[in-house]
Amino acid sequence: MAASPSTTNYFQGTGKCLWTPTGGVQRDLGNIVECELTPSVDKLEHKKTRGGSKKTDFTQYNNQAVQFRIVLDEITAENLAMELMSDVVENSDGTKTLRLMSVSTITGALEFVGDNNVGNTVHGVFPSVSFGPTGSFSPISGDDFGQVEITGDLLAIEYTDGSSDFGTMTVTEAA
């Protein structure tokens, strides 16, 4: 990879998300308007109370978590079902009906495949994700296309060696 500073490291990301529901088949979620990973932790600080004033002498980060937020503008029954926590019923006339809030968890594996032309590409593999609703769906669109917003909690997985993480991200150097 190019050492910083380098214009080769500038990044204009694009890509796709592939979703595999637990017990289901992998599918492309369609066009992504927004996509972001947000890590969070609780910071625990130890203070030394000698010498006239308190001083932090140790910091530990507990309760690690990562959220994966995506906004999609392809309103399919399956994408809308992820936001509305719904089963999809395929009707005999070819239509699909959502049974609103009929499921309590939506779990599976998510993969992000970067395909941008500018900068390094990223490829994320998240083996355990639990999705839930975070936005609203408007069946009437104004000046822009309709959107579906869903947020998933990446769930920690444990390996046979006892280590654990939330998945992997691989960075490939720009050509």
N, C-alpha and C. Protein backbone atom coordinates (compact mmCIF):
# COMPACT_ATOMS: atom_id res chain seq x y z
N MET A 1 0.84 -1.17 0.00
CA MET A 1 0.00 0.00 0.00
C MET A 1 0.88 1.23 0.00
N ALA A 2 0.37 2.26 -0.61
CA ALA A 2 1.12 3.50 -0.69
C ALA A 2 1.23 4.13 0.69
N ALA A 3 2.43 4.53 1.06
CA ALA A 3 2.64 5.19 2.35
C ALA A 3 2.04 6.58 2.31
N SER A 4 1.47 7.01 3.40
CA SER A 4 0.90 8.36 3.49
C SER A 4 2.03 9.37 3.64
N PRO A 5 1.91 10.54 3.10
CA PRO A 5 0.79 11.02 2.30
C PRO A 5 0.90 10.57 0.84
N SER A 6 -0.26 10.24 0.24
CA SER A 6 -0.31 9.83 -1.16
C SER A 6 -1.73 10.00 -1.67
N THR A 7 -1.87 10.59 -2.83
CA THR A 7 -3.21 10.74 -3.43
C THR A 7 -3.80 9.38 -3.80
N THR A 8 -2.98 8.37 -3.89
CA THR A 8 -3.47 7.01 -4.16
C THR A 8 -4.37 6.52 -3.03
N ASN A 9 -4.20 7.07 -1.84
CA ASN A 9 -4.99 6.65 -0.69
C ASN A 9 -6.34 7.36 -0.58
N TYR A 10 -6.60 8.36 -1.44
CA TYR A 10 -7.92 9.00 -1.41
C TYR A 10 -8.96 7.95 -1.77
N PHE A 11 -10.12 8.08 -1.19
CA PHE A 11 -11.11 7.01 -1.28
C PHE A 11 -12.47 7.55 -1.68
N GLN A 12 -13.07 6.95 -2.68
CA GLN A 12 -14.45 7.25 -3.06
C GLN A 12 -15.16 5.91 -3.22
N GLY A 13 -15.70 5.44 -2.11
CA GLY A 13 -16.20 4.07 -2.04
C GLY A 13 -17.51 3.83 -2.76
N THR A 14 -17.59 2.68 -3.40
CA THR A 14 -18.82 2.13 -3.96
C THR A 14 -18.77 0.63 -3.72
N GLY A 15 -19.89 -0.03 -3.86
CA GLY A 15 -19.89 -1.47 -3.69
C GLY A 15 -21.29 -2.02 -3.53
N LYS A 16 -21.35 -3.27 -3.12
CA LYS A 16 -22.64 -3.94 -2.95
C LYS A 16 -22.63 -4.73 -1.66
N CYS A 17 -23.84 -5.01 -1.16
CA CYS A 17 -24.01 -5.84 0.03
C CYS A 17 -24.74 -7.12 -0.36
N LEU A 18 -24.19 -8.22 0.12
CA LEU A 18 -24.81 -9.52 -0.09
C LEU A 18 -25.29 -10.03 1.27
N TRP A 19 -26.56 -10.39 1.34
CA TRP A 19 -27.19 -10.81 2.59
C TRP A 19 -27.58 -12.27 2.49
N THR A 20 -27.22 -13.04 3.52
CA THR A 20 -27.62 -14.44 3.60
C THR A 20 -28.38 -14.62 4.91
N PRO A 21 -29.72 -14.67 4.83
CA PRO A 21 -30.48 -14.87 6.07
C PRO A 21 -30.21 -16.26 6.64
N THR A 22 -30.30 -16.38 7.94
CA THR A 22 -30.10 -17.67 8.60
C THR A 22 -31.03 -18.70 7.97
N GLY A 23 -30.45 -19.78 7.46
CA GLY A 23 -31.23 -20.83 6.83
C GLY A 23 -31.70 -20.51 5.43
N GLY A 24 -31.24 -19.37 4.88
CA GLY A 24 -31.71 -18.93 3.56
C GLY A 24 -30.61 -18.89 2.53
N VAL A 25 -30.90 -18.23 1.43
CA VAL A 25 -30.01 -18.14 0.28
C VAL A 25 -29.50 -16.71 0.15
N GLN A 26 -28.23 -16.57 -0.21
CA GLN A 26 -27.61 -15.25 -0.37
C GLN A 26 -28.32 -14.47 -1.47
N ARG A 27 -28.51 -13.15 -1.22
CA ARG A 27 -29.08 -12.27 -2.24
C ARG A 27 -28.42 -10.90 -2.18
N ASP A 28 -28.43 -10.21 -3.29
CA ASP A 28 -27.92 -8.85 -3.41
C ASP A 28 -28.99 -7.91 -2.88
N LEU A 29 -28.62 -6.97 -2.00
CA LEU A 29 -29.60 -6.03 -1.45
C LEU A 29 -29.94 -4.89 -2.41
N GLY A 30 -29.22 -4.78 -3.52
CA GLY A 30 -29.52 -3.74 -4.50
C GLY A 30 -28.68 -2.50 -4.27
N ASN A 31 -29.12 -1.41 -4.86
CA ASN A 31 -28.37 -0.16 -4.80
C ASN A 31 -28.34 0.41 -3.38
N ILE A 32 -27.14 0.79 -2.95
CA ILE A 32 -26.94 1.32 -1.60
C ILE A 32 -26.76 2.83 -1.68
N VAL A 33 -27.59 3.56 -0.95
CA VAL A 33 -27.49 5.02 -0.90
C VAL A 33 -26.50 5.45 0.17
N GLU A 34 -26.55 4.78 1.33
CA GLU A 34 -25.63 5.05 2.43
C GLU A 34 -25.24 3.72 3.06
N CYS A 35 -24.00 3.66 3.54
CA CYS A 35 -23.51 2.44 4.17
C CYS A 35 -22.44 2.85 5.17
N GLU A 36 -22.63 2.47 6.44
CA GLU A 36 -21.64 2.87 7.43
C GLU A 36 -21.53 1.87 8.57
N LEU A 37 -20.32 1.70 9.02
CA LEU A 37 -19.99 0.90 10.21
C LEU A 37 -19.71 1.86 11.35
N THR A 38 -20.32 1.61 12.51
CA THR A 38 -20.10 2.47 13.66
C THR A 38 -19.71 1.63 14.87
N PRO A 39 -18.42 1.65 15.23
CA PRO A 39 -18.01 0.94 16.44
C PRO A 39 -18.34 1.77 17.68
N SER A 40 -18.57 1.08 18.80
CA SER A 40 -18.79 1.78 20.06
C SER A 40 -18.22 0.95 21.20
N VAL A 41 -17.81 1.64 22.24
CA VAL A 41 -17.26 1.00 23.44
C VAL A 41 -17.61 1.83 24.66
N ASP A 42 -17.54 1.21 25.80
CA ASP A 42 -17.60 1.94 27.07
C ASP A 42 -16.16 2.09 27.55
N LYS A 43 -15.80 3.30 27.89
CA LYS A 43 -14.43 3.58 28.32
C LYS A 43 -14.37 3.57 29.85
N LEU A 44 -13.51 2.74 30.38
CA LEU A 44 -13.31 2.66 31.82
C LEU A 44 -11.92 3.19 32.13
N GLU A 45 -11.86 4.25 32.93
CA GLU A 45 -10.57 4.86 33.27
C GLU A 45 -10.26 4.64 34.75
N HIS A 46 -9.02 4.28 35.02
CA HIS A 46 -8.56 4.19 36.40
C HIS A 46 -7.80 5.46 36.72
N LYS A 47 -8.07 6.03 37.87
CA LYS A 47 -7.41 7.27 38.29
C LYS A 47 -6.48 6.99 39.46
N LYS A 48 -5.28 7.51 39.34
CA LYS A 48 -4.33 7.48 40.45
C LYS A 48 -4.62 8.71 41.30
N THR A 49 -4.80 8.50 42.59
CA THR A 49 -5.21 9.60 43.46
C THR A 49 -4.11 10.05 44.41
N ARG A 50 -2.88 9.90 44.01
CA ARG A 50 -1.76 10.36 44.83
C ARG A 50 -1.09 11.55 44.15
N GLY A 51 -0.41 12.33 44.94
CA GLY A 51 0.39 13.42 44.38
C GLY A 51 -0.37 14.72 44.18
N GLY A 52 -1.50 14.90 44.84
CA GLY A 52 -2.18 16.19 44.80
C GLY A 52 -3.29 16.30 43.78
N SER A 53 -3.30 15.52 42.73
CA SER A 53 -4.40 15.57 41.77
C SER A 53 -4.60 14.19 41.15
N LYS A 54 -5.80 13.93 40.71
CA LYS A 54 -6.10 12.66 40.08
C LYS A 54 -5.51 12.64 38.68
N LYS A 55 -4.92 11.51 38.31
CA LYS A 55 -4.36 11.34 36.98
C LYS A 55 -4.75 9.97 36.44
N THR A 56 -5.16 9.94 35.20
CA THR A 56 -5.51 8.67 34.58
C THR A 56 -4.23 7.90 34.32
N ASP A 57 -4.17 6.66 34.85
CA ASP A 57 -2.98 5.85 34.62
C ASP A 57 -3.28 4.54 33.90
N PHE A 58 -4.58 4.30 33.60
CA PHE A 58 -4.94 3.10 32.87
C PHE A 58 -6.31 3.30 32.22
N THR A 59 -6.44 2.86 30.99
CA THR A 59 -7.71 2.93 30.28
C THR A 59 -8.03 1.56 29.69
N GLN A 60 -9.27 1.14 29.87
CA GLN A 60 -9.73 -0.12 29.29
C GLN A 60 -11.05 0.14 28.58
N TYR A 61 -11.26 -0.55 27.46
CA TYR A 61 -12.49 -0.40 26.70
C TYR A 61 -13.32 -1.67 26.82
N ASN A 62 -14.51 -1.52 27.35
CA ASN A 62 -15.42 -2.64 27.58
C ASN A 62 -16.65 -2.51 26.69
N ASN A 63 -17.45 -3.56 26.66
CA ASN A 63 -18.73 -3.56 25.94
C ASN A 63 -18.57 -3.13 24.49
N GLN A 64 -17.69 -3.80 23.79
CA GLN A 64 -17.46 -3.48 22.39
C GLN A 64 -18.68 -3.88 21.56
N ALA A 65 -19.02 -3.03 20.60
CA ALA A 65 -20.15 -3.30 19.71
C ALA A 65 -19.87 -2.61 18.38
N VAL A 66 -20.50 -3.12 17.32
CA VAL A 66 -20.40 -2.51 16.00
C VAL A 66 -21.78 -2.56 15.36
N GLN A 67 -22.22 -1.42 14.83
CA GLN A 67 -23.46 -1.38 14.07
C GLN A 67 -23.15 -1.18 12.60
N PHE A 68 -23.98 -1.78 11.76
CA PHE A 68 -23.87 -1.66 10.31
C PHE A 68 -25.17 -1.06 9.81
N ARG A 69 -25.13 0.17 9.31
CA ARG A 69 -26.33 0.87 8.85
C ARG A 69 -26.30 0.97 7.34
N ILE A 70 -27.41 0.60 6.70
CA ILE A 70 -27.50 0.74 5.25
C ILE A 70 -28.83 1.39 4.89
N VAL A 71 -28.78 2.22 3.86
CA VAL A 71 -29.98 2.82 3.29
C VAL A 71 -30.04 2.34 1.84
N LEU A 72 -31.15 1.71 1.50
CA LEU A 72 -31.35 1.14 0.16
C LEU A 72 -32.44 1.90 -0.56
N ASP A 73 -32.32 2.02 -1.89
CA ASP A 73 -33.39 2.66 -2.64
C ASP A 73 -34.08 1.70 -3.61
N GLU A 74 -33.83 0.41 -3.44
CA GLU A 74 -34.57 -0.59 -4.20
C GLU A 74 -35.61 -1.19 -3.26
N ILE A 75 -36.85 -0.79 -3.48
CA ILE A 75 -37.94 -1.19 -2.59
C ILE A 75 -38.49 -2.53 -3.08
N THR A 76 -37.84 -3.60 -2.63
CA THR A 76 -38.33 -4.94 -2.90
C THR A 76 -39.08 -5.42 -1.66
N ALA A 77 -39.90 -6.44 -1.82
CA ALA A 77 -40.61 -6.99 -0.67
C ALA A 77 -39.62 -7.47 0.38
N GLU A 78 -38.53 -8.09 -0.06
CA GLU A 78 -37.55 -8.63 0.88
C GLU A 78 -36.81 -7.52 1.63
N ASN A 79 -36.45 -6.42 0.95
CA ASN A 79 -35.79 -5.30 1.63
C ASN A 79 -36.74 -4.61 2.60
N LEU A 80 -37.96 -4.40 2.17
CA LEU A 80 -38.95 -3.76 3.03
C LEU A 80 -39.26 -4.64 4.24
N ALA A 81 -39.25 -5.95 4.04
CA ALA A 81 -39.49 -6.88 5.15
C ALA A 81 -38.40 -6.78 6.21
N MET A 82 -37.16 -6.47 5.80
CA MET A 82 -36.08 -6.32 6.79
C MET A 82 -36.34 -5.12 7.68
N GLU A 83 -36.86 -4.04 7.10
CA GLU A 83 -37.15 -2.85 7.90
C GLU A 83 -38.38 -3.04 8.78
N LEU A 84 -39.36 -3.75 8.27
CA LEU A 84 -40.64 -3.89 8.98
C LEU A 84 -40.74 -5.21 9.74
N MET A 85 -39.60 -5.90 9.94
CA MET A 85 -39.54 -7.13 10.73
C MET A 85 -40.65 -8.10 10.30
N SER A 86 -40.67 -8.41 9.01
CA SER A 86 -41.81 -9.12 8.44
C SER A 86 -41.44 -10.41 7.72
N ASP A 87 -42.38 -11.34 7.76
CA ASP A 87 -42.35 -12.49 6.86
C ASP A 87 -42.85 -12.03 5.51
N VAL A 88 -42.33 -12.65 4.44
CA VAL A 88 -42.82 -12.37 3.10
C VAL A 88 -43.63 -13.58 2.65
N VAL A 89 -44.89 -13.34 2.29
CA VAL A 89 -45.76 -14.40 1.80
C VAL A 89 -45.92 -14.22 0.29
N GLU A 90 -45.56 -15.28 -0.45
CA GLU A 90 -45.72 -15.24 -1.91
C GLU A 90 -47.12 -15.71 -2.26
N ASN A 91 -47.87 -14.84 -2.91
CA ASN A 91 -49.25 -15.13 -3.26
C ASN A 91 -49.34 -15.83 -4.61
N SER A 92 -50.45 -16.51 -4.84
CA SER A 92 -50.63 -17.27 -6.09
C SER A 92 -50.71 -16.37 -7.32
N ASP A 93 -51.04 -15.08 -7.13
CA ASP A 93 -51.13 -14.16 -8.28
C ASP A 93 -49.79 -13.48 -8.60
N GLY A 94 -48.70 -13.90 -7.91
CA GLY A 94 -47.37 -13.34 -8.17
C GLY A 94 -47.01 -12.17 -7.28
N THR A 95 -47.94 -11.64 -6.50
CA THR A 95 -47.64 -10.56 -5.58
C THR A 95 -47.03 -11.12 -4.30
N LYS A 96 -46.48 -10.24 -3.50
CA LYS A 96 -45.91 -10.64 -2.22
C LYS A 96 -46.54 -9.78 -1.12
N THR A 97 -46.91 -10.40 -0.02
CA THR A 97 -47.52 -9.71 1.10
C THR A 97 -46.58 -9.77 2.30
N LEU A 98 -46.43 -8.63 2.98
CA LEU A 98 -45.61 -8.58 4.19
C LEU A 98 -46.52 -8.70 5.39
N ARG A 99 -46.17 -9.57 6.31
CA ARG A 99 -46.87 -9.70 7.58
C ARG A 99 -46.11 -8.83 8.59
N LEU A 100 -46.54 -7.58 8.74
CA LEU A 100 -45.81 -6.56 9.49
C LEU A 100 -45.52 -6.98 10.93
N MET A 101 -44.25 -6.79 11.31
CA MET A 101 -43.76 -7.07 12.66
C MET A 101 -44.09 -8.50 13.09
N SER A 102 -43.98 -9.44 12.17
CA SER A 102 -44.32 -10.84 12.47
C SER A 102 -43.12 -11.66 12.92
N VAL A 103 -41.92 -11.10 12.83
CA VAL A 103 -40.73 -11.81 13.31
C VAL A 103 -40.02 -10.96 14.36
N SER A 104 -39.38 -11.62 15.32
CA SER A 104 -38.73 -10.88 16.39
C SER A 104 -37.24 -10.67 16.14
N THR A 105 -36.65 -11.48 15.28
CA THR A 105 -35.24 -11.30 14.93
C THR A 105 -35.04 -11.60 13.45
N ILE A 106 -34.13 -10.86 12.85
CA ILE A 106 -33.71 -11.11 11.47
C ILE A 106 -32.20 -11.28 11.53
N THR A 107 -31.74 -12.51 11.40
CA THR A 107 -30.32 -12.80 11.55
C THR A 107 -29.76 -13.44 10.30
N GLY A 108 -28.45 -13.32 10.17
CA GLY A 108 -27.77 -13.94 9.04
C GLY A 108 -26.35 -13.43 8.92
N ALA A 109 -25.81 -13.56 7.72
CA ALA A 109 -24.45 -13.11 7.42
C ALA A 109 -24.51 -12.03 6.35
N LEU A 110 -23.61 -11.06 6.46
CA LEU A 110 -23.56 -9.95 5.53
C LEU A 110 -22.16 -9.83 4.97
N GLU A 111 -22.08 -9.52 3.68
CA GLU A 111 -20.78 -9.31 3.03
C GLU A 111 -20.86 -8.01 2.24
N PHE A 112 -19.86 -7.15 2.43
CA PHE A 112 -19.75 -5.93 1.62
C PHE A 112 -18.60 -6.13 0.66
N VAL A 113 -18.86 -5.92 -0.63
CA VAL A 113 -17.85 -6.08 -1.67
C VAL A 113 -17.62 -4.71 -2.32
N GLY A 114 -16.47 -4.10 -2.03
CA GLY A 114 -16.13 -2.81 -2.62
C GLY A 114 -15.77 -2.97 -4.08
N ASP A 115 -16.23 -2.01 -4.91
CA ASP A 115 -15.91 -2.06 -6.33
C ASP A 115 -15.57 -0.68 -6.90
N ASN A 116 -15.07 0.19 -6.03
CA ASN A 116 -14.79 1.57 -6.44
C ASN A 116 -13.59 1.65 -7.38
N ASN A 117 -13.58 2.74 -8.15
CA ASN A 117 -12.49 3.02 -9.09
C ASN A 117 -11.44 3.94 -8.50
N VAL A 118 -11.78 4.66 -7.44
CA VAL A 118 -10.87 5.62 -6.83
C VAL A 118 -10.48 5.13 -5.45
N GLY A 119 -9.20 4.90 -5.24
CA GLY A 119 -8.70 4.51 -3.93
C GLY A 119 -8.71 3.02 -3.70
N ASN A 120 -8.27 2.66 -2.49
CA ASN A 120 -8.25 1.26 -2.09
C ASN A 120 -9.68 0.74 -1.99
N THR A 121 -9.87 -0.55 -2.20
CA THR A 121 -11.19 -1.15 -2.02
C THR A 121 -11.23 -1.89 -0.69
N VAL A 122 -12.42 -1.96 -0.11
CA VAL A 122 -12.60 -2.69 1.13
C VAL A 122 -13.59 -3.83 0.89
N HIS A 123 -13.33 -4.93 1.58
CA HIS A 123 -14.20 -6.10 1.50
C HIS A 123 -14.47 -6.54 2.93
N GLY A 124 -15.72 -6.47 3.34
CA GLY A 124 -16.08 -6.83 4.70
C GLY A 124 -16.89 -8.11 4.74
N VAL A 125 -16.53 -8.99 5.67
CA VAL A 125 -17.28 -10.22 5.89
C VAL A 125 -17.74 -10.22 7.35
N PHE A 126 -19.05 -10.26 7.55
CA PHE A 126 -19.64 -10.18 8.87
C PHE A 126 -20.53 -11.41 9.06
N PRO A 127 -20.00 -12.46 9.69
CA PRO A 127 -20.69 -13.75 9.74
C PRO A 127 -21.96 -13.79 10.58
N SER A 128 -22.13 -12.85 11.51
CA SER A 128 -23.30 -12.90 12.38
C SER A 128 -23.85 -11.50 12.58
N VAL A 129 -25.02 -11.23 12.00
CA VAL A 129 -25.64 -9.90 12.06
C VAL A 129 -27.10 -10.07 12.45
N SER A 130 -27.59 -9.16 13.27
CA SER A 130 -28.99 -9.13 13.64
C SER A 130 -29.56 -7.77 13.22
N PHE A 131 -30.48 -7.78 12.26
CA PHE A 131 -31.03 -6.54 11.72
C PHE A 131 -32.33 -6.17 12.41
N GLY A 132 -32.59 -4.87 12.48
CA GLY A 132 -33.84 -4.35 13.01
C GLY A 132 -34.16 -3.02 12.37
N PRO A 133 -35.38 -2.54 12.55
CA PRO A 133 -35.77 -1.27 11.94
C PRO A 133 -35.13 -0.09 12.65
N THR A 134 -34.77 0.92 11.89
CA THR A 134 -34.23 2.14 12.49
C THR A 134 -34.79 3.39 11.83
N GLY A 135 -35.40 3.25 10.70
CA GLY A 135 -35.94 4.40 10.00
C GLY A 135 -37.41 4.18 9.73
N SER A 136 -37.95 5.08 8.95
CA SER A 136 -39.35 4.95 8.57
C SER A 136 -39.42 4.71 7.06
N PHE A 137 -40.52 4.18 6.63
CA PHE A 137 -40.75 3.99 5.19
C PHE A 137 -41.92 4.85 4.78
N SER A 138 -41.73 5.66 3.77
CA SER A 138 -42.80 6.50 3.25
C SER A 138 -43.26 5.94 1.91
N PRO A 139 -44.53 5.52 1.81
CA PRO A 139 -45.02 5.02 0.53
C PRO A 139 -45.26 6.12 -0.50
N ILE A 140 -45.04 7.37 -0.09
CA ILE A 140 -45.12 8.50 -1.02
C ILE A 140 -43.75 9.15 -1.06
N SER A 141 -43.18 9.28 -2.27
CA SER A 141 -41.86 9.89 -2.43
C SER A 141 -41.99 11.32 -2.89
N GLY A 142 -41.16 12.17 -2.35
CA GLY A 142 -41.15 13.57 -2.76
C GLY A 142 -40.27 13.75 -3.98
N ASP A 143 -39.24 14.57 -3.83
CA ASP A 143 -38.35 14.87 -4.94
C ASP A 143 -37.27 13.82 -5.15
N ASP A 144 -37.16 12.85 -4.25
CA ASP A 144 -36.12 11.84 -4.34
C ASP A 144 -36.76 10.46 -4.41
N PHE A 145 -35.95 9.45 -4.61
CA PHE A 145 -36.45 8.09 -4.64
C PHE A 145 -36.75 7.61 -3.22
N GLY A 146 -37.69 6.70 -3.08
CA GLY A 146 -38.01 6.12 -1.78
C GLY A 146 -36.83 5.32 -1.26
N GLN A 147 -36.77 5.18 0.05
CA GLN A 147 -35.64 4.49 0.67
C GLN A 147 -36.08 3.61 1.83
N VAL A 148 -35.26 2.61 2.10
CA VAL A 148 -35.43 1.72 3.24
C VAL A 148 -34.15 1.80 4.05
N GLU A 149 -34.26 2.09 5.35
CA GLU A 149 -33.09 2.16 6.23
C GLU A 149 -33.17 1.02 7.24
N ILE A 150 -32.09 0.26 7.31
CA ILE A 150 -32.02 -0.81 8.30
C ILE A 150 -30.65 -0.76 8.98
N THR A 151 -30.64 -1.15 10.24
CA THR A 151 -29.40 -1.17 11.00
C THR A 151 -29.24 -2.55 11.60
N GLY A 152 -28.04 -3.08 11.44
CA GLY A 152 -27.74 -4.38 12.00
C GLY A 152 -26.68 -4.28 13.08
N ASP A 153 -26.83 -5.10 14.09
CA ASP A 153 -25.80 -5.23 15.11
C ASP A 153 -24.91 -6.39 14.69
N LEU A 154 -23.61 -6.10 14.52
CA LEU A 154 -22.68 -7.19 14.26
C LEU A 154 -22.51 -7.93 15.58
N LEU A 155 -22.63 -9.24 15.54
CA LEU A 155 -22.53 -10.04 16.74
C LEU A 155 -21.18 -10.73 16.78
N ALA A 156 -20.57 -10.74 17.95
CA ALA A 156 -19.25 -11.34 18.10
C ALA A 156 -19.33 -12.85 17.86
N ILE A 157 -18.32 -13.35 17.18
CA ILE A 157 -18.20 -14.79 16.98
C ILE A 157 -16.93 -15.26 17.67
N GLU A 158 -16.96 -16.46 18.17
CA GLU A 158 -15.79 -17.00 18.86
C GLU A 158 -15.18 -18.11 18.02
N TYR A 159 -13.85 -18.10 17.96
CA TYR A 159 -13.10 -19.09 17.19
C TYR A 159 -12.64 -20.22 18.10
N THR A 160 -12.21 -21.31 17.49
CA THR A 160 -11.78 -22.48 18.26
C THR A 160 -10.58 -22.19 19.14
N ASP A 161 -9.78 -21.17 18.79
CA ASP A 161 -8.62 -20.83 19.62
C ASP A 161 -8.98 -19.92 20.79
N GLY A 162 -10.28 -19.59 20.94
CA GLY A 162 -10.73 -18.76 22.05
C GLY A 162 -10.80 -17.28 21.73
N SER A 163 -10.25 -16.86 20.59
CA SER A 163 -10.33 -15.45 20.22
C SER A 163 -11.72 -15.14 19.67
N SER A 164 -12.06 -13.86 19.60
CA SER A 164 -13.36 -13.49 19.05
C SER A 164 -13.27 -12.12 18.39
N ASP A 165 -14.17 -11.89 17.43
CA ASP A 165 -14.28 -10.60 16.76
C ASP A 165 -15.66 -10.50 16.13
N PHE A 166 -15.88 -9.42 15.37
CA PHE A 166 -17.18 -9.17 14.75
C PHE A 166 -17.16 -9.44 13.25
N GLY A 167 -16.05 -9.92 12.73
CA GLY A 167 -15.90 -10.14 11.29
C GLY A 167 -14.58 -9.59 10.83
N THR A 168 -14.43 -9.48 9.53
CA THR A 168 -13.16 -8.99 8.97
C THR A 168 -13.39 -7.93 7.91
N MET A 169 -12.38 -7.07 7.74
CA MET A 169 -12.35 -6.12 6.63
C MET A 169 -10.98 -6.25 5.98
N THR A 170 -10.99 -6.46 4.67
CA THR A 170 -9.76 -6.58 3.92
C THR A 170 -9.63 -5.37 3.01
N VAL A 171 -8.46 -4.73 3.03
CA VAL A 171 -8.19 -3.56 2.21
C VAL A 171 -7.25 -3.98 1.08
N THR A 172 -7.66 -3.71 -0.16
CA THR A 172 -6.85 -4.02 -1.33
C THR A 172 -6.33 -2.72 -1.93
N GLU A 173 -5.04 -2.65 -2.15
CA GLU A 173 -4.41 -1.43 -2.67
C GLU A 173 -4.93 -1.09 -4.06
N ALA A 174 -5.12 0.20 -4.29
CA ALA A 174 -5.57 0.68 -5.59
C ALA A 174 -4.53 0.33 -6.65
N ALA A 175 -5.04 0.06 -7.83
CA ALA A 175 -4.14 -0.31 -8.94
C ALA A 175 -3.35 0.87 -9.44
